[in-house]
């Protein structure tokens, strides 16, 4: 489940060069691939929790039981290189969508089996990775404490929040994992999340576009190997 619809075909064709286009509507584009004799649905979710929640409802309703989110991310710990993979073990719930499914005290925790398949895949492919906690916000700017906005203002709740997450050993910011992990756990299904760093915010706020292709390629590579491990 990439967020970007443009990443769906590239990911599906990496898994299976004969992957077939299924449908496209708004932020949702889907392709069906076959890998190791198993069907793999690649479906985008758009940006943020609300779009993710709708996709999860619809996919769970047609029988999907295992969900992997792949995306890009901004690292907030100084020792995380760009690009590298961050495999989310659990998420700080800074979103709103997940609270429609479970109270805020309910943890957003990744499934162990699916997470281990990502770790094993990263090791097998030789890709650099970290495993840990992700801060998952509903907004790209104030929720991730960015001040380069129209108003330049961040509400009190989020002022100095990045420093606090850094002190609490949170690895990165992204926008969908809290919704994914919370909802899928309440459904009794399985989900995991892997993201490729395209910026380290302790050094710069501006992603280097030149590494985006490598970051996307790494996501497809680790996802294919993780599926091969699970399907073996």
Protein backbone atom coordinates (compact mmCIF):
# COMPACT_ATOMS: atom_id res chain seq x y z
CA UNK A 1 0.00 0.00 0.00
CA UNK A 2 1.99 3.01 -1.23
CA UNK A 3 0.50 6.44 -0.65
CA UNK A 4 1.37 7.80 -4.09
CA UNK A 5 -0.79 6.45 -6.97
CA UNK A 6 2.20 6.94 -9.31
CA UNK A 7 4.17 4.39 -7.28
CA UNK A 8 1.62 1.59 -7.74
CA UNK A 9 2.48 0.48 -11.28
CA UNK A 10 6.24 0.70 -10.65
CA UNK A 11 5.91 -1.44 -7.52
CA UNK A 12 3.55 -3.97 -9.11
CA UNK A 13 5.75 -4.36 -12.20
CA UNK A 14 8.80 -4.88 -10.00
CA UNK A 15 6.97 -7.76 -8.31
CA UNK A 16 5.63 -9.11 -11.59
CA UNK A 17 6.36 -7.65 -15.03
CA UNK A 18 2.97 -8.94 -16.18
CA UNK A 19 1.04 -7.24 -13.35
CA UNK A 20 -2.39 -6.09 -14.48
CA UNK A 21 -4.08 -2.72 -13.99
CA UNK A 22 -7.36 -3.09 -12.09
CA UNK A 23 -8.89 0.31 -11.39
CA UNK A 24 -8.30 3.99 -10.72
CA UNK A 25 -10.53 6.43 -8.83
CA UNK A 26 -9.44 9.55 -6.95
CA UNK A 27 -6.34 8.64 -4.91
CA UNK A 28 -6.86 4.90 -5.32
CA UNK A 29 -5.00 3.09 -8.10
CA UNK A 30 -4.69 -0.68 -8.03
CA UNK A 31 -2.70 -3.37 -9.86
CA UNK A 32 -2.74 -7.13 -9.38
CA UNK A 33 0.58 -8.97 -9.42
CA UNK A 34 1.50 -12.64 -9.04
CA UNK A 35 4.55 -13.65 -7.03
CA UNK A 36 5.54 -17.21 -6.09
CA UNK A 37 2.12 -18.33 -7.28
CA UNK A 38 0.32 -15.95 -4.91
CA UNK A 39 -1.81 -12.93 -5.78
CA UNK A 40 -0.52 -9.58 -4.53
CA UNK A 41 -2.72 -6.49 -4.70
CA UNK A 42 -0.88 -3.16 -4.90
CA UNK A 43 -3.21 -0.29 -4.02
CA UNK A 44 -2.47 3.35 -3.24
CA UNK A 45 -4.08 5.17 -0.33
CA UNK A 46 -3.34 8.83 -0.95
CA UNK A 47 -2.00 11.09 1.80
CA UNK A 48 -2.99 10.70 5.44
CA UNK A 49 -5.25 8.66 7.66
CA UNK A 50 -8.74 9.27 6.22
CA UNK A 51 -7.81 7.94 2.77
CA UNK A 52 -5.99 5.02 4.39
CA UNK A 53 -9.02 4.15 6.52
CA UNK A 54 -11.33 3.96 3.51
CA UNK A 55 -8.91 1.71 1.63
CA UNK A 56 -8.58 -0.60 4.64
CA UNK A 57 -12.33 -0.94 5.03
CA UNK A 58 -12.82 -1.82 1.36
CA UNK A 59 -9.86 -4.19 1.09
CA UNK A 60 -10.68 -6.02 4.32
CA UNK A 61 -14.26 -6.38 3.10
CA UNK A 62 -13.11 -8.26 -0.03
CA UNK A 63 -10.94 -10.62 1.99
CA UNK A 64 -7.47 -9.07 2.22
CA UNK A 65 -5.89 -10.15 5.51
CA UNK A 66 -2.26 -8.95 5.32
CA UNK A 67 -1.31 -5.32 4.73
CA UNK A 68 2.10 -3.76 4.09
CA UNK A 69 2.47 -0.01 3.85
CA UNK A 70 5.44 1.28 1.83
CA UNK A 71 6.28 4.97 1.76
CA UNK A 72 8.86 7.72 2.07
CA UNK A 73 9.73 9.44 5.31
CA UNK A 74 11.75 12.07 7.10
CA UNK A 75 14.18 10.76 9.73
CA UNK A 76 14.60 12.77 12.95
CA UNK A 77 17.51 10.94 14.60
CA UNK A 78 20.93 12.24 13.51
CA UNK A 79 22.49 8.82 12.92
CA UNK A 80 19.95 7.66 10.31
CA UNK A 81 21.44 7.83 6.79
CA UNK A 82 19.61 8.87 3.63
CA UNK A 83 18.41 6.75 2.00
CA UNK A 84 17.85 3.90 4.42
CA UNK A 85 14.84 1.89 5.49
CA UNK A 86 12.82 2.47 8.65
CA UNK A 87 10.68 -0.48 9.70
CA UNK A 88 7.98 0.64 12.10
CA UNK A 89 7.44 -1.43 15.23
CA UNK A 90 4.79 0.94 16.54
CA UNK A 91 3.44 4.43 15.90
CA UNK A 92 2.77 7.54 17.95
CA UNK A 93 -0.88 8.28 17.18
CA UNK A 94 -0.82 11.92 16.06
CA UNK A 95 -3.62 11.26 13.58
CA UNK A 96 -7.37 11.67 13.98
CA UNK A 97 -8.72 8.81 11.86
CA UNK A 98 -7.55 6.06 14.21
CA UNK A 99 -9.50 7.61 17.09
CA UNK A 100 -12.70 6.78 15.20
CA UNK A 101 -11.82 3.09 15.65
CA UNK A 102 -10.17 2.90 19.08
CA UNK A 103 -9.47 5.24 22.03
CA UNK A 104 -6.09 6.96 22.08
CA UNK A 105 -4.86 4.59 24.81
CA UNK A 106 -5.06 1.69 22.30
CA UNK A 107 -1.57 1.05 20.88
CA UNK A 108 -0.69 1.25 17.19
CA UNK A 109 1.57 -1.80 17.01
CA UNK A 110 2.81 -3.63 13.90
CA UNK A 111 2.24 -7.36 13.44
CA UNK A 112 5.34 -9.28 14.51
CA UNK A 113 5.30 -11.85 11.68
CA UNK A 114 4.97 -9.27 8.92
CA UNK A 115 7.51 -6.97 10.56
CA UNK A 116 10.03 -9.82 10.87
CA UNK A 117 9.61 -10.55 7.17
CA UNK A 118 10.64 -6.95 6.41
CA UNK A 119 13.66 -7.20 8.73
CA UNK A 120 14.71 -10.50 7.14
CA UNK A 121 14.24 -9.00 3.68
CA UNK A 122 16.34 -5.92 4.51
CA UNK A 123 19.14 -8.19 5.76
CA UNK A 124 18.89 -10.49 2.73
CA UNK A 125 19.07 -7.60 0.26
CA UNK A 126 21.88 -5.85 2.13
CA UNK A 127 19.87 -2.66 2.60
CA UNK A 128 20.59 -0.47 5.61
CA UNK A 129 17.63 -0.35 8.01
CA UNK A 130 16.43 0.62 11.46
CA UNK A 131 13.51 -0.78 13.45
CA UNK A 132 11.61 1.40 15.89
CA UNK A 133 8.85 3.87 16.65
CA UNK A 134 7.37 6.25 14.09
CA UNK A 135 5.49 9.50 14.75
CA UNK A 136 2.46 9.43 12.47
CA UNK A 137 0.80 12.82 11.95
CA UNK A 138 -2.30 13.90 10.05
CA UNK A 139 -0.60 17.00 8.65
CA UNK A 140 2.65 17.48 6.76
CA UNK A 141 3.40 20.91 8.23
CA UNK A 142 2.31 21.72 11.84
CA UNK A 143 1.84 18.10 12.95
CA UNK A 144 5.47 17.45 12.01
CA UNK A 145 6.57 20.82 13.42
CA UNK A 146 7.43 22.53 10.16
CA UNK A 147 7.43 26.32 10.22
CA UNK A 148 7.87 27.01 6.48
CA UNK A 149 4.13 27.55 6.06
CA UNK A 150 1.83 30.38 4.99
CA UNK A 151 1.32 31.55 8.58
CA UNK A 152 4.63 30.35 10.00
CA UNK A 153 2.76 29.36 13.14
CA UNK A 154 2.64 25.99 14.87
CA UNK A 155 0.09 25.57 17.64
CA UNK A 156 1.36 25.11 21.19
CA UNK A 157 0.67 21.37 21.18
CA UNK A 158 3.29 20.80 18.46
CA UNK A 159 5.87 23.43 19.39
CA UNK A 160 9.12 21.66 20.39
CA UNK A 161 7.40 18.33 19.71
CA UNK A 162 10.16 17.08 17.41
CA UNK A 163 12.73 17.57 20.17
CA UNK A 164 10.52 15.56 22.51
CA UNK A 165 10.10 12.69 20.01
CA UNK A 166 13.85 12.68 19.46
CA UNK A 167 14.44 12.39 23.21
CA UNK A 168 11.95 9.51 23.30
CA UNK A 169 13.92 7.70 20.53
CA UNK A 170 11.26 8.09 17.84
CA UNK A 171 12.95 7.54 14.47
CA UNK A 172 10.85 9.38 11.91
CA UNK A 173 7.71 11.17 10.82
CA UNK A 174 5.16 9.94 8.29
CA UNK A 175 1.40 10.21 7.88
CA UNK A 176 -0.34 6.84 7.58
CA UNK A 177 1.12 4.16 9.88
CA UNK A 178 -0.86 5.02 13.02
CA UNK A 179 -4.14 4.73 11.14
CA UNK A 180 -3.07 1.51 9.43
CA UNK A 181 -1.76 -0.26 12.52
CA UNK A 182 -4.64 0.75 14.78
CA UNK A 183 -7.45 -0.12 12.39
CA UNK A 184 -5.99 -3.42 11.23
CA UNK A 185 -5.41 -4.52 14.83
CA UNK A 186 -9.05 -3.77 15.68
CA UNK A 187 -10.05 -5.88 12.66
CA UNK A 188 -7.99 -8.81 13.94
CA UNK A 189 -5.86 -8.73 10.78
CA UNK A 190 -2.12 -8.12 10.17
CA UNK A 191 -0.19 -5.02 9.10
CA UNK A 192 3.38 -3.75 8.90
CA UNK A 193 5.07 -0.62 7.62
CA UNK A 194 8.38 0.16 5.94
CA UNK A 195 9.48 3.60 4.75
CA UNK A 196 12.52 4.84 2.87
CA UNK A 197 14.19 7.98 4.21
CA UNK A 198 14.44 10.81 1.70
CA UNK A 199 15.55 13.46 4.20
CA UNK A 200 17.13 13.65 7.65
CA UNK A 201 15.59 16.66 9.32
CA UNK A 202 18.46 17.09 11.77
CA UNK A 203 20.51 18.23 8.78
CA UNK A 204 18.06 19.74 6.29
CA UNK A 205 14.34 20.20 5.70
CA UNK A 206 14.64 19.82 1.93
CA UNK A 207 14.63 16.32 0.39
CA UNK A 208 17.21 15.58 -2.27
CA UNK A 209 15.17 14.68 -5.36
CA UNK A 210 18.14 12.84 -6.81
CA UNK A 211 17.78 10.03 -4.26
CA UNK A 212 14.03 9.54 -4.71
CA UNK A 213 14.41 6.87 -7.41
CA UNK A 214 16.84 4.94 -5.22
CA UNK A 215 14.50 5.25 -2.23
CA UNK A 216 11.56 3.93 -4.26
CA UNK A 217 13.66 1.12 -5.71
CA UNK A 218 14.73 0.07 -2.21
CA UNK A 219 11.09 -0.11 -1.13
CA UNK A 220 10.16 -2.35 -4.05
CA UNK A 221 13.24 -4.51 -3.47
CA UNK A 222 12.58 -5.10 0.23
CA UNK A 223 8.88 -5.66 -0.37
CA UNK A 224 9.49 -8.30 -3.02
CA UNK A 225 11.95 -10.15 -0.81
CA UNK A 226 9.61 -9.95 2.21
CA UNK A 227 6.80 -11.50 0.16
CA UNK A 228 9.10 -14.20 -1.19
CA UNK A 229 10.07 -15.03 2.39
CA UNK A 230 6.45 -15.26 3.47
CA UNK A 231 5.37 -17.27 0.42
CA UNK A 232 8.26 -19.75 0.66
